[in-house]
Amino acid sequence: MRVVWSPLAEVRAGEALEVMLRERPTAAATWLGRLLTGVAQLGRFPERGRMVPEVGRKDIREVMQAPYRVVYRVDAKRVVILTVRHMRRDFDLTEVQG
């Protein structure tokens, strides 16, 4: 199954990385490697993540890459990374609609 990133997810991941690079550069590199590896694995194991409690749909799932939630949608032939949100931020349903 193909894994694709939405434009929003790319922006959010980039913002997260920028913050980490300023505060803890070594941790940022480790986090980015784990994020990319974890997301790539979703192509083989798309149902690995749990359903997002705020959404309640089987096709909208998430995996944790602390301190971030990686929210994605499972379609027939692909996994779409919808957003990357800090765990402390309120969930924004507009980021997963569509």
PDB file of N, CA and C in Angstrom:
ATOM      1  N   MET A   1       0.845  -1.166   0.000  1.00  0.00           N
ATOM      2  CA  MET A   1       0.000   0.000   0.000  1.00  0.00           C
ATOM      3  C   MET A   1       0.900   1.242   0.000  1.00  0.00           C
ATOM      4  N   ARG A   2       0.528   2.225  -0.768  1.00  0.00           N
ATOM      5  CA  ARG A   2       1.298   3.457  -0.889  1.00  0.00           C
ATOM      6  C   ARG A   2       0.999   4.401   0.288  1.00  0.00           C
ATOM      7  N   VAL A   3       2.018   5.085   0.780  1.00  0.00           N
ATOM      8  CA  VAL A   3       1.854   6.080   1.838  1.00  0.00           C
ATOM      9  C   VAL A   3       2.111   7.454   1.233  1.00  0.00           C
ATOM     10  N   VAL A   4       1.152   8.370   1.409  1.00  0.00           N
ATOM     11  CA  VAL A   4       1.309   9.738   0.909  1.00  0.00           C
ATOM     12  C   VAL A   4       1.051  10.722   2.047  1.00  0.00           C
ATOM     13  N   TRP A   5       1.713  11.846   1.980  1.00  0.00           N
ATOM     14  CA  TRP A   5       1.568  12.905   2.981  1.00  0.00           C
ATOM     15  C   TRP A   5       0.698  14.008   2.412  1.00  0.00           C
ATOM     16  N   SER A   6      -0.268  14.464   3.190  1.00  0.00           N
ATOM     17  CA  SER A   6      -1.041  15.636   2.789  1.00  0.00           C
ATOM     18  C   SER A   6      -0.147  16.864   2.954  1.00  0.00           C
ATOM     19  N   PRO A   7      -0.466  17.940   2.237  1.00  0.00           N
ATOM     20  CA  PRO A   7       0.313  19.169   2.434  1.00  0.00           C
ATOM     21  C   PRO A   7       0.299  19.642   3.892  1.00  0.00           C
ATOM     22  N   LEU A   8      -0.843  19.525   4.560  1.00  0.00           N
ATOM     23  CA  LEU A   8      -0.932  19.936   5.960  1.00  0.00           C
ATOM     24  C   LEU A   8       0.003  19.110   6.832  1.00  0.00           C
ATOM     25  N   ALA A   9       0.039  17.807   6.626  1.00  0.00           N
ATOM     26  CA  ALA A   9       0.906  16.935   7.427  1.00  0.00           C
ATOM     27  C   ALA A   9       2.376  17.299   7.216  1.00  0.00           C
ATOM     28  N   GLU A  10       2.749  17.611   5.986  1.00  0.00           N
ATOM     29  CA  GLU A  10       4.132  18.013   5.718  1.00  0.00           C
ATOM     30  C   GLU A  10       4.478  19.294   6.468  1.00  0.00           C
ATOM     31  N   VAL A  11       3.556  20.262   6.443  1.00  0.00           N
ATOM     32  CA  VAL A  11       3.789  21.531   7.144  1.00  0.00           C
ATOM     33  C   VAL A  11       3.894  21.292   8.643  1.00  0.00           C
ATOM     34  N   ARG A  12       2.964  20.528   9.200  1.00  0.00           N
ATOM     35  CA  ARG A  12       2.955  20.284  10.649  1.00  0.00           C
ATOM     36  C   ARG A  12       4.216  19.535  11.101  1.00  0.00           C
ATOM     37  N   ALA A  13       4.641  18.558  10.332  1.00  0.00           N
ATOM     38  CA  ALA A  13       5.864  17.823  10.685  1.00  0.00           C
ATOM     39  C   ALA A  13       7.076  18.756  10.615  1.00  0.00           C
ATOM     40  N   GLY A  14       7.103  19.610   9.611  1.00  0.00           N
ATOM     41  CA  GLY A  14       8.192  20.575   9.490  1.00  0.00           C
ATOM     42  C   GLY A  14       8.230  21.554  10.652  1.00  0.00           C
ATOM     43  N   GLU A  15       7.060  22.021  11.073  1.00  0.00           N
ATOM     44  CA  GLU A  15       6.981  22.926  12.225  1.00  0.00           C
ATOM     45  C   GLU A  15       7.479  22.239  13.492  1.00  0.00           C
ATOM     46  N   ALA A  16       7.064  21.000  13.682  1.00  0.00           N
ATOM     47  CA  ALA A  16       7.506  20.243  14.861  1.00  0.00           C
ATOM     48  C   ALA A  16       9.016  20.079  14.849  1.00  0.00           C
ATOM     49  N   LEU A  17       9.551  19.753  13.700  1.00  0.00           N
ATOM     50  CA  LEU A  17      10.996  19.568  13.587  1.00  0.00           C
ATOM     51  C   LEU A  17      11.750  20.862  13.873  1.00  0.00           C
ATOM     52  N   GLU A  18      11.245  21.986  13.379  1.00  0.00           N
ATOM     53  CA  GLU A  18      11.896  23.276  13.629  1.00  0.00           C
ATOM     54  C   GLU A  18      11.977  23.580  15.117  1.00  0.00           C
ATOM     55  N   VAL A  19      10.888  23.345  15.833  1.00  0.00           N
ATOM     56  CA  VAL A  19      10.875  23.594  17.277  1.00  0.00           C
ATOM     57  C   VAL A  19      11.909  22.707  17.964  1.00  0.00           C
ATOM     58  N   MET A  20      11.912  21.434  17.609  1.00  0.00           N
ATOM     59  CA  MET A  20      12.860  20.507  18.235  1.00  0.00           C
ATOM     60  C   MET A  20      14.304  20.854  17.907  1.00  0.00           C
ATOM     61  N   LEU A  21      14.548  21.280  16.675  1.00  0.00           N
ATOM     62  CA  LEU A  21      15.922  21.637  16.283  1.00  0.00           C
ATOM     63  C   LEU A  21      16.450  22.800  17.110  1.00  0.00           C
ATOM     64  N   ARG A  22      15.588  23.747  17.445  1.00  0.00           N
ATOM     65  CA  ARG A  22      16.010  24.882  18.276  1.00  0.00           C
ATOM     66  C   ARG A  22      16.291  24.453  19.709  1.00  0.00           C
ATOM     67  N   GLU A  23      15.456  23.551  20.217  1.00  0.00           N
ATOM     68  CA  GLU A  23      15.542  23.186  21.629  1.00  0.00           C
ATOM     69  C   GLU A  23      16.483  22.008  21.905  1.00  0.00           C
ATOM     70  N   ARG A  24      16.417  20.998  21.056  1.00  0.00           N
ATOM     71  CA  ARG A  24      17.224  19.780  21.278  1.00  0.00           C
ATOM     72  C   ARG A  24      17.579  19.159  19.923  1.00  0.00           C
ATOM     73  N   PRO A  25      18.609  19.643  19.266  1.00  0.00           N
ATOM     74  CA  PRO A  25      18.943  19.185  17.913  1.00  0.00           C
ATOM     75  C   PRO A  25      19.173  17.687  17.780  1.00  0.00           C
ATOM     76  N   THR A  26      19.832  17.080  18.732  1.00  0.00           N
ATOM     77  CA  THR A  26      20.090  15.641  18.639  1.00  0.00           C
ATOM     78  C   THR A  26      18.791  14.861  18.744  1.00  0.00           C
ATOM     79  N   ALA A  27      17.934  15.258  19.655  1.00  0.00           N
ATOM     80  CA  ALA A  27      16.632  14.593  19.806  1.00  0.00           C
ATOM     81  C   ALA A  27      15.792  14.788  18.553  1.00  0.00           C
ATOM     82  N   ALA A  28      15.919  15.939  17.908  1.00  0.00           N
ATOM     83  CA  ALA A  28      15.146  16.214  16.693  1.00  0.00           C
ATOM     84  C   ALA A  28      15.495  15.223  15.589  1.00  0.00           C
ATOM     85  N   ALA A  29      16.774  14.958  15.416  1.00  0.00           N
ATOM     86  CA  ALA A  29      17.203  14.009  14.384  1.00  0.00           C
ATOM     87  C   ALA A  29      16.666  12.607  14.676  1.00  0.00           C
ATOM     88  N   THR A  30      16.713  12.216  15.928  1.00  0.00           N
ATOM     89  CA  THR A  30      16.186  10.901  16.317  1.00  0.00           C
ATOM     90  C   THR A  30      14.685  10.839  16.079  1.00  0.00           C
ATOM     91  N   TRP A  31      13.962  11.893  16.463  1.00  0.00           N
ATOM     92  CA  TRP A  31      12.512  11.941  16.284  1.00  0.00           C
ATOM     93  C   TRP A  31      12.148  11.845  14.801  1.00  0.00           C
ATOM     94  N   LEU A  32      12.842  12.590  13.964  1.00  0.00           N
ATOM     95  CA  LEU A  32      12.549  12.566  12.535  1.00  0.00           C
ATOM     96  C   LEU A  32      12.763  11.168  11.960  1.00  0.00           C
ATOM     97  N   GLY A  33      13.842  10.515  12.338  1.00  0.00           N
ATOM     98  CA  GLY A  33      14.093   9.153  11.856  1.00  0.00           C
ATOM     99  C   GLY A  33      12.995   8.193  12.271  1.00  0.00           C
ATOM    100  N   ARG A  34      12.564   8.294  13.510  1.00  0.00           N
ATOM    101  CA  ARG A  34      11.482   7.423  13.997  1.00  0.00           C
ATOM    102  C   ARG A  34      10.156   7.746  13.314  1.00  0.00           C
ATOM    103  N   LEU A  35       9.898   9.026  13.095  1.00  0.00           N
ATOM    104  CA  LEU A  35       8.669   9.430  12.403  1.00  0.00           C
ATOM    105  C   LEU A  35       8.618   8.831  11.002  1.00  0.00           C
ATOM    106  N   LEU A  36       9.683   9.006  10.248  1.00  0.00           N
ATOM    107  CA  LEU A  36       9.701   8.518   8.865  1.00  0.00           C
ATOM    108  C   LEU A  36       9.641   6.997   8.802  1.00  0.00           C
ATOM    109  N   THR A  37      10.338   6.324   9.704  1.00  0.00           N
ATOM    110  CA  THR A  37      10.293   4.859   9.739  1.00  0.00           C
ATOM    111  C   THR A  37       8.895   4.363  10.104  1.00  0.00           C
ATOM    112  N   GLY A  38       8.305   4.974  11.126  1.00  0.00           N
ATOM    113  CA  GLY A  38       6.964   4.570  11.557  1.00  0.00           C
ATOM    114  C   GLY A  38       5.914   4.789  10.492  1.00  0.00           C
ATOM    115  N   VAL A  39       5.997   5.918   9.808  1.00  0.00           N
ATOM    116  CA  VAL A  39       5.038   6.212   8.743  1.00  0.00           C
ATOM    117  C   VAL A  39       5.221   5.241   7.578  1.00  0.00           C
ATOM    118  N   ALA A  40       6.451   4.946   7.216  1.00  0.00           N
ATOM    119  CA  ALA A  40       6.704   4.004   6.121  1.00  0.00           C
ATOM    120  C   ALA A  40       6.120   2.625   6.431  1.00  0.00           C
ATOM    121  N   GLN A  41       6.169   2.209   7.690  1.00  0.00           N
ATOM    122  CA  GLN A  41       5.629   0.907   8.085  1.00  0.00           C
ATOM    123  C   GLN A  41       4.115   0.828   7.918  1.00  0.00           C
ATOM    124  N   LEU A  42       3.451   1.967   7.902  1.00  0.00           N
ATOM    125  CA  LEU A  42       2.000   1.962   7.720  1.00  0.00           C
ATOM    126  C   LEU A  42       1.601   1.423   6.350  1.00  0.00           C
ATOM    127  N   GLY A  43       2.497   1.486   5.393  1.00  0.00           N
ATOM    128  CA  GLY A  43       2.217   0.915   4.082  1.00  0.00           C
ATOM    129  C   GLY A  43       2.005  -0.590   4.142  1.00  0.00           C
ATOM    130  N   ARG A  44       2.704  -1.253   5.040  1.00  0.00           N
ATOM    131  CA  ARG A  44       2.562  -2.700   5.214  1.00  0.00           C
ATOM    132  C   ARG A  44       1.542  -3.056   6.284  1.00  0.00           C
ATOM    133  N   PHE A  45       1.408  -2.189   7.272  1.00  0.00           N
ATOM    134  CA  PHE A  45       0.522  -2.463   8.411  1.00  0.00           C
ATOM    135  C   PHE A  45      -0.393  -1.261   8.655  1.00  0.00           C
ATOM    136  N   PRO A  46      -1.318  -0.985   7.739  1.00  0.00           N
ATOM    137  CA  PRO A  46      -2.122   0.234   7.833  1.00  0.00           C
ATOM    138  C   PRO A  46      -3.055   0.296   9.047  1.00  0.00           C
ATOM    139  N   GLU A  47      -3.392  -0.823   9.606  1.00  0.00           N
ATOM    140  CA  GLU A  47      -4.295  -0.802  10.758  1.00  0.00           C
ATOM    141  C   GLU A  47      -3.540  -0.910  12.076  1.00  0.00           C
ATOM    142  N   ARG A  48      -2.250  -0.665  12.027  1.00  0.00           N
ATOM    143  CA  ARG A  48      -1.416  -0.713  13.220  1.00  0.00           C
ATOM    144  C   ARG A  48      -1.861   0.304  14.275  1.00  0.00           C
ATOM    145  N   GLY A  49      -2.241   1.470  13.833  1.00  0.00           N
ATOM    146  CA  GLY A  49      -2.651   2.515  14.764  1.00  0.00           C
ATOM    147  C   GLY A  49      -4.061   2.304  15.287  1.00  0.00           C
ATOM    148  N   ARG A  50      -4.374   3.055  16.321  1.00  0.00           N
ATOM    149  CA  ARG A  50      -5.720   2.976  16.892  1.00  0.00           C
ATOM    150  C   ARG A  50      -6.640   3.972  16.197  1.00  0.00           C
ATOM    151  N   MET A  51      -7.940   3.711  16.317  1.00  0.00           N
ATOM    152  CA  MET A  51      -8.916   4.679  15.823  1.00  0.00           C
ATOM    153  C   MET A  51      -8.764   5.961  16.641  1.00  0.00           C
ATOM    154  N   VAL A  52      -8.909   7.098  15.999  1.00  0.00           N
ATOM    155  CA  VAL A  52      -8.813   8.380  16.693  1.00  0.00           C
ATOM    156  C   VAL A  52     -10.086   8.572  17.514  1.00  0.00           C
ATOM    157  N   PRO A  53      -9.979   8.662  18.836  1.00  0.00           N
ATOM    158  CA  PRO A  53     -11.167   8.747  19.693  1.00  0.00           C
ATOM    159  C   PRO A  53     -12.085   9.923  19.351  1.00  0.00           C
ATOM    160  N   GLU A  54     -11.501  11.051  18.976  1.00  0.00           N
ATOM    161  CA  GLU A  54     -12.309  12.235  18.666  1.00  0.00           C
ATOM    162  C   GLU A  54     -13.109  12.092  17.382  1.00  0.00           C
ATOM    163  N   VAL A  55     -12.733  11.143  16.532  1.00  0.00           N
ATOM    164  CA  VAL A  55     -13.382  10.979  15.231  1.00  0.00           C
ATOM    165  C   VAL A  55     -14.312   9.771  15.219  1.00  0.00           C
ATOM    166  N   GLY A  56     -13.847   8.641  15.758  1.00  0.00           N
ATOM    167  CA  GLY A  56     -14.677   7.446  15.841  1.00  0.00           C
ATOM    168  C   GLY A  56     -14.948   6.748  14.517  1.00  0.00           C
ATOM    169  N   ARG A  57     -14.028   6.858  13.577  1.00  0.00           N
ATOM    170  CA  ARG A  57     -14.174   6.174  12.286  1.00  0.00           C
ATOM    171  C   ARG A  57     -13.023   5.186  12.123  1.00  0.00           C
ATOM    172  N   LYS A  58     -13.329   4.010  11.577  1.00  0.00           N
ATOM    173  CA  LYS A  58     -12.295   2.982  11.406  1.00  0.00           C
ATOM    174  C   LYS A  58     -11.217   3.382  10.410  1.00  0.00           C
ATOM    175  N   ASP A  59     -11.537   4.243   9.479  1.00  0.00           N
ATOM    176  CA  ASP A  59     -10.558   4.622   8.456  1.00  0.00           C
ATOM    177  C   ASP A  59      -9.635   5.756   8.905  1.00  0.00           C
ATOM    178  N   ILE A  60      -9.968   6.433   9.998  1.00  0.00           N
ATOM    179  CA  ILE A  60      -9.122   7.500  10.531  1.00  0.00           C
ATOM    180  C   ILE A  60      -8.422   6.950  11.772  1.00  0.00           C
ATOM    181  N   ARG A  61      -7.108   6.845  11.684  1.00  0.00           N
ATOM    182  CA  ARG A  61      -6.331   6.185  12.733  1.00  0.00           C
ATOM    183  C   ARG A  61      -5.154   7.063  13.130  1.00  0.00           C
ATOM    184  N   GLU A  62      -4.450   6.648  14.181  1.00  0.00           N
ATOM    185  CA  GLU A  62      -3.283   7.395  14.603  1.00  0.00           C
ATOM    186  C   GLU A  62      -2.241   6.475  15.222  1.00  0.00           C
ATOM    187  N   VAL A  63      -1.004   6.894  15.065  1.00  0.00           N
ATOM    188  CA  VAL A  63       0.111   6.280  15.773  1.00  0.00           C
ATOM    189  C   VAL A  63       0.794   7.414  16.530  1.00  0.00           C
ATOM    190  N   MET A  64       1.405   7.071  17.622  1.00  0.00           N
ATOM    191  CA  MET A  64       2.082   8.074  18.440  1.00  0.00           C
ATOM    192  C   MET A  64       3.568   8.086  18.111  1.00  0.00           C
ATOM    193  N   GLN A  65       4.062   9.267  17.945  1.00  0.00           N
ATOM    194  CA  GLN A  65       5.499   9.491  17.838  1.00  0.00           C
ATOM    195  C   GLN A  65       5.785  10.637  18.796  1.00  0.00           C
ATOM    196  N   ALA A  66       5.872  10.262  20.073  1.00  0.00           N
ATOM    197  CA  ALA A  66       5.905  11.233  21.167  1.00  0.00           C
ATOM    198  C   ALA A  66       6.887  12.359  20.886  1.00  0.00           C
ATOM    199  N   PRO A  67       6.451  13.568  21.183  1.00  0.00           N
ATOM    200  CA  PRO A  67       5.181  13.960  21.785  1.00  0.00           C
ATOM    201  C   PRO A  67       4.104  14.331  20.756  1.00  0.00           C
ATOM    202  N   TYR A  68       4.090  13.650  19.624  1.00  0.00           N
ATOM    203  CA  TYR A  68       3.144  13.965  18.553  1.00  0.00           C
ATOM    204  C   TYR A  68       2.257  12.778  18.202  1.00  0.00           C
ATOM    205  N   ARG A  69       1.076  13.104  17.703  1.00  0.00           N
ATOM    206  CA  ARG A  69       0.125  12.138  17.162  1.00  0.00           C
ATOM    207  C   ARG A  69       0.206  12.243  15.638  1.00  0.00           C
ATOM    208  N   VAL A  70       0.375  11.121  14.974  1.00  0.00           N
ATOM    209  CA  VAL A  70       0.381  11.095  13.516  1.00  0.00           C
ATOM    210  C   VAL A  70      -0.966  10.512  13.096  1.00  0.00           C
ATOM    211  N   VAL A  71      -1.809  11.368  12.529  1.00  0.00           N
ATOM    212  CA  VAL A  71      -3.172  10.982  12.178  1.00  0.00           C
ATOM    213  C   VAL A  71      -3.215  10.679  10.687  1.00  0.00           C
ATOM    214  N   TYR A  72      -3.826   9.545  10.344  1.00  0.00           N
ATOM    215  CA  TYR A  72      -3.863   9.130   8.945  1.00  0.00           C
ATOM    216  C   TYR A  72      -5.200   8.483   8.589  1.00  0.00           C
ATOM    217  N   ARG A  73      -5.442   8.418   7.289  1.00  0.00           N
ATOM    218  CA  ARG A  73      -6.656   7.777   6.760  1.00  0.00           C
ATOM    219  C   ARG A  73      -6.232   6.601   5.891  1.00  0.00           C
ATOM    220  N   VAL A  74      -6.931   5.499   6.066  1.00  0.00           N
ATOM    221  CA  VAL A  74      -6.667   4.310   5.257  1.00  0.00           C
ATOM    222  C   VAL A  74      -7.707   4.254   4.146  1.00  0.00           C
ATOM    223  N   ASP A  75      -7.239   4.345   2.898  1.00  0.00           N
ATOM    224  CA  ASP A  75      -8.102   4.209   1.720  1.00  0.00           C
ATOM    225  C   ASP A  75      -7.891   2.823   1.126  1.00  0.00           C
ATOM    226  N   ALA A  76      -8.548   2.542   0.031  1.00  0.00           N
ATOM    227  CA  ALA A  76      -8.451   1.221  -0.600  1.00  0.00           C
ATOM    228  C   ALA A  76      -7.021   0.877  -1.026  1.00  0.00           C
ATOM    229  N   LYS A  77      -6.271   1.868  -1.529  1.00  0.00           N
ATOM    230  CA  LYS A  77      -4.941   1.577  -2.059  1.00  0.00           C
ATOM    231  C   LYS A  77      -3.827   2.413  -1.456  1.00  0.00           C
ATOM    232  N   ARG A  78      -4.168   3.220  -0.451  1.00  0.00           N
ATOM    233  CA  ARG A  78      -3.124   4.075   0.108  1.00  0.00           C
ATOM    234  C   ARG A  78      -3.430   4.474   1.539  1.00  0.00           C
ATOM    235  N   VAL A  79      -2.387   4.930   2.187  1.00  0.00           N
ATOM    236  CA  VAL A  79      -2.477   5.515   3.523  1.00  0.00           C
ATOM    237  C   VAL A  79      -2.135   6.988   3.344  1.00  0.00           C
ATOM    238  N   VAL A  80      -3.035   7.857   3.796  1.00  0.00           N
ATOM    239  CA  VAL A  80      -2.814   9.294   3.663  1.00  0.00           C
ATOM    240  C   VAL A  80      -2.517   9.869   5.044  1.00  0.00           C
ATOM    241  N   ILE A  81      -1.329  10.411   5.225  1.00  0.00           N
ATOM    242  CA  ILE A  81      -0.977  11.070   6.474  1.00  0.00           C
ATOM    243  C   ILE A  81      -1.682  12.426   6.451  1.00  0.00           C
ATOM    244  N   LEU A  82      -2.610  12.628   7.385  1.00  0.00           N
ATOM    245  CA  LEU A  82      -3.447  13.824   7.387  1.00  0.00           C
ATOM    246  C   LEU A  82      -2.837  14.981   8.167  1.00  0.00           C
ATOM    247  N   THR A  83      -2.283  14.671   9.335  1.00  0.00           N
ATOM    248  CA  THR A  83      -1.712  15.718  10.167  1.00  0.00           C
ATOM    249  C   THR A  83      -0.774  15.124  11.209  1.00  0.00           C
ATOM    250  N   VAL A  84       0.038  15.980  11.763  1.00  0.00           N
ATOM    251  CA  VAL A  84       0.931  15.638  12.868  1.00  0.00           C
ATOM    252  C   VAL A  84       0.649  16.682  13.943  1.00  0.00           C
ATOM    253  N   ARG A  85       0.115  16.254  15.091  1.00  0.00           N
ATOM    254  CA  ARG A  85      -0.318  17.187  16.138  1.00  0.00           C
ATOM    255  C   ARG A  85       0.363  16.871  17.462  1.00  0.00           C
ATOM    256  N   HIS A  86       0.769  17.922  18.156  1.00  0.00           N
ATOM    257  CA  HIS A  86       1.333  17.739  19.483  1.00  0.00           C
ATOM    258  C   HIS A  86       0.250  17.159  20.383  1.00  0.00           C
ATOM    259  N   MET A  87       0.616  16.223  21.234  1.00  0.00           N
ATOM    260  CA  MET A  87      -0.350  15.547  22.106  1.00  0.00           C
ATOM    261  C   MET A  87      -1.056  16.506  23.063  1.00  0.00           C
ATOM    262  N   ARG A  88      -0.422  17.609  23.390  1.00  0.00           N
ATOM    263  CA  ARG A  88      -1.024  18.559  24.332  1.00  0.00           C
ATOM    264  C   ARG A  88      -2.017  19.513  23.674  1.00  0.00           C
ATOM    265  N   ARG A  89      -2.017  19.587  22.364  1.00  0.00           N
ATOM    266  CA  ARG A  89      -2.934  20.489  21.663  1.00  0.00           C
ATOM    267  C   ARG A  89      -4.302  19.843  21.518  1.00  0.00           C
ATOM    268  N   ASP A  90      -5.332  20.667  21.584  1.00  0.00           N
ATOM    269  CA  ASP A  90      -6.677  20.170  21.346  1.00  0.00           C
ATOM    270  C   ASP A  90      -6.767  19.637  19.924  1.00  0.00           C
ATOM    271  N   PHE A  91      -7.556  18.588  19.757  1.00  0.00           N
ATOM    272  CA  PHE A  91      -7.716  17.985  18.437  1.00  0.00           C
ATOM    273  C   PHE A  91      -8.580  18.886  17.570  1.00  0.00           C
ATOM    274  N   ASP A  92      -8.208  19.061  16.322  1.00  0.00           N
ATOM    275  CA  ASP A  92      -8.940  19.910  15.376  1.00  0.00           C
ATOM    276  C   ASP A  92      -9.546  19.024  14.286  1.00  0.00           C
ATOM    277  N   LEU A  93     -10.853  18.826  14.361  1.00  0.00           N
ATOM    278  CA  LEU A  93     -11.532  17.944  13.405  1.00  0.00           C
ATOM    279  C   LEU A  93     -11.387  18.413  11.964  1.00  0.00           C
ATOM    280  N   THR A  94     -11.188  19.695  11.742  1.00  0.00           N
ATOM    281  CA  THR A  94     -11.050  20.184  10.365  1.00  0.00           C
ATOM    282  C   THR A  94      -9.800  19.621   9.691  1.00  0.00           C
ATOM    283  N   GLU A  95      -8.834  19.168  10.470  1.00  0.00           N
ATOM    284  CA  GLU A  95      -7.607  18.625   9.881  1.00  0.00           C
ATOM    285  C   GLU A  95      -7.776  17.219   9.339  1.00  0.00           C
ATOM    286  N   VAL A  96      -8.884  16.568   9.637  1.00  0.00           N
ATOM    287  CA  VAL A  96      -9.079  15.195   9.167  1.00  0.00           C
ATOM    288  C   VAL A  96     -10.306  15.037   8.270  1.00  0.00           C
ATOM    289  N   GLN A  97     -10.993  16.117   7.999  1.00  0.00           N
ATOM    290  CA  GLN A  97     -12.162  16.037   7.122  1.00  0.00           C
ATOM    291  C   GLN A  97     -11.735  16.062   5.674  1.00  0.00           C
ATOM    292  N   GLY A  98     -12.559  15.460   4.847  1.00  0.00           N
ATOM    293  CA  GLY A  98     -12.265  15.518   3.431  1.00  0.00           C
ATOM    294  C   GLY A  98     -12.339  14.245   2.728  1.00  0.00           C
TER     295      GLY A  98
END
